[in-house]
Amino acid sequence: MTDTPDIEWPTLLICVLCYAGFALSTTSVDTIGPWVASCILILSLTLYSSFSHEVLHGHPFGDARLNTALVFPALGLLIPYHRFRDTHLAHHHDPALTDPYDDPESNFVDPAIWMRWSTPRRVLYTWNNTLLGRMLVGPIIGLLAFYKADWRAILSGSTHVRAAYCFHFFGLIPVGLWWVFVADMPFWLYLLCAYASHSILKIRTFLEHRAHERARCRSVVIEDCGPLAFLFLQNNLHAVHHAHPGMPWYQLKQHYRTRRAAFLERNGGYAYRSYAQIACLFLFKTKDPVPHALWETPEFHAERAEDAEPGR
């Protein structure tokens, strides 16, 4: 693995692009028009989310306080950064990947819970397991589940979760001041752009993980080299990211290319050529069932049991 410098300039450049795109799009609606401004803002917010993902993994500075300062303004509006950080780092416990309870980013549910759901809810969640459904209703389903879990944590006395939302609300203040004194974009349009950016991010997370007995075979590789790969900061190479979560985004592609056969053997060949291929396969078709197909098998829990052994 290539050594990383104290300041990762490619990642810092991404930060500059995010803020520049945000500033340009929100102050130039009267000049470039609402459609162009909206497109720039959607792309900027999507990239900002990917940049926030880099920040929580310790980039671009060695000082976590400096990194957090870069994402203090809550440009994306909807997700508190510290909650994103905590839940995502919990997600990186690979033996729990896709677990309906212990993986905060799992899209699977316990089959016993699924059996108790109403028919309309089953239909909705099944549609959510198509790419089109995930993009259209996925952000709503995900956000409601996210807020519900956090609200329960706050009611149960979690000062940590409450502090994360306080930080988020403070981060909304500079965004609000920008809107009052600088921006010329209607706020309702900003909200639509924020939602659209979440929809694009759902393309990345749609099939990042599958149900599989082996934890190392649960993370995907999507060999895409187009604009989405850049917007996601190479997180399409998701198996590589899970194997090396501290590796900066700009090293992932080369690391994968030089070890392609090993990575594909390691993840059981769970790979796709591009996001275009995924759209052709799953735009209207479910990729996985909503209830976890392996939840009741001992093989799925085997690595969790080994990981829990004393001394491991």
Foldseek 3Di string as FASTA:
>chain_A
DDDADQARVVLVVLLVLLVVLCQCLFFCCVPPNNVVSLVSNLLSLLLLVLSLLLLLLCDDHVDNVVSVVSCLQPLLLQDQSVLVSVLVVQLLPLLCHLPQPRRLLHLAHAVVVVVVDDPVVLVLSQQCLFLQSCLPCVVVVSSVVSVVVLVVCVVVPPPPSVVSVVSNVVSNVVVVVCNVPRGPDDVVSSNVSSSNSVSLVCLLVSQQFAQDLDSLQGGEAAQADDPSCVSNLNCSRVSQCSVPVNDGSVCSVVVCVVCVVVSCVRNVNRYHHHSVVSCVVGNRHRPDRRHRPCPPPVSSCVVVVVVPDPPD
